[in-house]
Amino acid sequence: MLASSVVVNFCARVSKYAEFTLTDWRKATGKESKLLKHETSSAHGSAFESYTARVKELDKTSSSVAVNLSKAYAKKLQQDNNERARNREVLAVIADNSFFSETEH
């Protein structure tokens, strides 16, 4: 039941953009079928090229969740280490200033 409703919804969305509708599967398949004509059309060819280009681009930039988490963890550790170093510098300046001000009085 669920699968057929998904197919019907998909077909309804696609029919807005498709140049044909199928009311009989015998017209859909075969040597002179609408599906074969669509597959060899320029619209299908350009859509397929666009899709494969996007997939190739995603393959270059995407990585596994584990790799992304590892990179994020390394970045967080680096930020924490930088913050600690900066805090040490600030504390050293405060300590120097308080020592300097005590020696003046």
Protein backbone atom coordinates (compact mmCIF):
# COMPACT_ATOMS: atom_id res chain seq x y z
CA MET A 1 0.00 0.00 0.00
CA LEU A 2 2.70 2.46 0.99
CA ALA A 3 4.88 1.65 -2.04
CA SER A 4 2.04 2.23 -4.48
CA SER A 5 1.19 5.59 -2.91
CA VAL A 6 4.85 6.59 -3.14
CA VAL A 7 4.89 5.62 -6.82
CA VAL A 8 1.67 7.55 -7.45
CA ASN A 9 3.05 10.65 -5.70
CA PHE A 10 6.31 10.37 -7.64
CA CYS A 11 4.47 9.98 -10.93
CA ALA A 12 2.26 12.96 -10.12
CA ARG A 13 5.31 15.14 -9.47
CA VAL A 14 7.15 13.91 -12.55
CA SER A 15 4.14 14.33 -14.84
CA LYS A 16 4.34 18.10 -14.28
CA TYR A 17 7.65 18.10 -16.13
CA ALA A 18 7.39 15.09 -18.41
CA GLU A 19 6.26 15.47 -21.98
CA PHE A 20 4.22 12.29 -21.81
CA THR A 21 2.12 10.30 -19.41
CA LEU A 22 1.76 6.56 -19.30
CA THR A 23 -1.66 5.04 -18.89
CA ASP A 24 -0.68 1.61 -20.19
CA TRP A 25 2.60 -0.22 -19.50
CA ARG A 26 2.54 -1.77 -22.99
CA LYS A 27 3.22 1.72 -24.35
CA ALA A 28 6.05 2.19 -21.86
CA THR A 29 8.23 -0.74 -22.95
CA GLY A 30 9.35 -2.13 -26.26
CA LYS A 31 11.28 -0.92 -29.29
CA GLU A 32 9.03 2.11 -29.88
CA SER A 33 8.32 2.75 -26.21
CA LYS A 34 8.10 6.15 -24.63
CA LEU A 35 10.74 5.20 -22.07
CA LEU A 36 13.22 4.26 -24.81
CA LYS A 37 12.48 7.50 -26.66
CA HIS A 38 13.04 9.45 -23.46
CA GLU A 39 16.30 7.64 -22.73
CA THR A 40 17.68 8.62 -26.12
CA SER A 41 16.39 12.22 -25.95
CA SER A 42 18.66 15.20 -25.53
CA ALA A 43 16.82 16.24 -22.35
CA HIS A 44 17.66 12.91 -20.71
CA GLY A 45 21.25 13.11 -21.92
CA SER A 46 21.82 16.59 -20.51
CA ALA A 47 20.13 15.68 -17.22
CA PHE A 48 22.31 12.58 -16.93
CA GLU A 49 25.48 14.59 -17.62
CA SER A 50 24.48 17.17 -15.01
CA TYR A 51 23.74 14.44 -12.47
CA THR A 52 27.02 12.60 -13.03
CA ALA A 53 28.97 15.87 -12.77
CA ARG A 54 27.34 16.61 -9.40
CA VAL A 55 28.04 13.08 -8.15
CA LYS A 56 31.70 13.35 -9.17
CA GLU A 57 32.01 16.72 -7.42
CA LEU A 58 30.46 15.30 -4.25
CA ASP A 59 32.85 12.34 -4.36
CA LYS A 60 35.79 14.75 -4.36
CA THR A 61 34.60 16.72 -1.35
CA SER A 62 32.71 14.23 0.77
CA SER A 63 34.19 11.83 3.26
CA SER A 64 32.95 9.48 5.92
CA VAL A 65 31.39 10.62 9.16
CA ALA A 66 34.34 9.22 11.11
CA VAL A 67 36.80 11.30 9.09
CA ASN A 68 34.69 14.45 9.53
CA LEU A 69 34.40 13.85 13.28
CA SER A 70 38.13 13.26 13.55
CA LYS A 71 38.87 16.50 11.71
CA ALA A 72 36.40 18.41 13.87
CA TYR A 73 37.94 16.96 17.04
CA ALA A 74 41.45 17.89 15.90
CA LYS A 75 40.27 21.42 15.11
CA LYS A 76 38.63 21.72 18.54
CA LEU A 77 41.81 20.51 20.26
CA GLN A 78 43.85 23.08 18.34
CA GLN A 79 41.45 25.86 19.33
CA ASP A 80 41.63 24.77 22.99
CA ASN A 81 45.43 24.71 22.90
CA ASN A 82 45.53 28.18 21.32
CA GLU A 83 43.15 29.51 23.98
CA ARG A 84 45.26 28.00 26.78
CA ALA A 85 48.42 29.57 25.34
CA ARG A 86 46.70 32.96 25.11
CA ASN A 87 45.41 32.62 28.69
CA ARG A 88 48.94 31.87 29.89
CA GLU A 89 50.21 35.01 28.15
CA VAL A 90 47.48 37.14 29.74
CA LEU A 91 48.16 35.68 33.19
CA ALA A 92 51.88 36.35 32.78
CA VAL A 93 51.18 39.99 31.91
CA ILE A 94 48.82 40.33 34.90
CA ALA A 95 51.39 38.75 37.21
CA ASP A 96 54.15 40.99 35.86
CA ASN A 97 51.99 44.08 36.31
CA SER A 98 51.01 43.18 39.84
CA PHE A 99 54.65 42.46 40.74
CA PHE A 100 55.77 45.72 39.13
CA SER A 101 53.08 47.73 40.91
CA GLU A 102 54.04 46.18 44.29
CA THR A 103 57.71 47.05 43.84
CA GLU A 104 56.89 50.69 43.07
CA HIS A 105 55.01 51.25 46.31
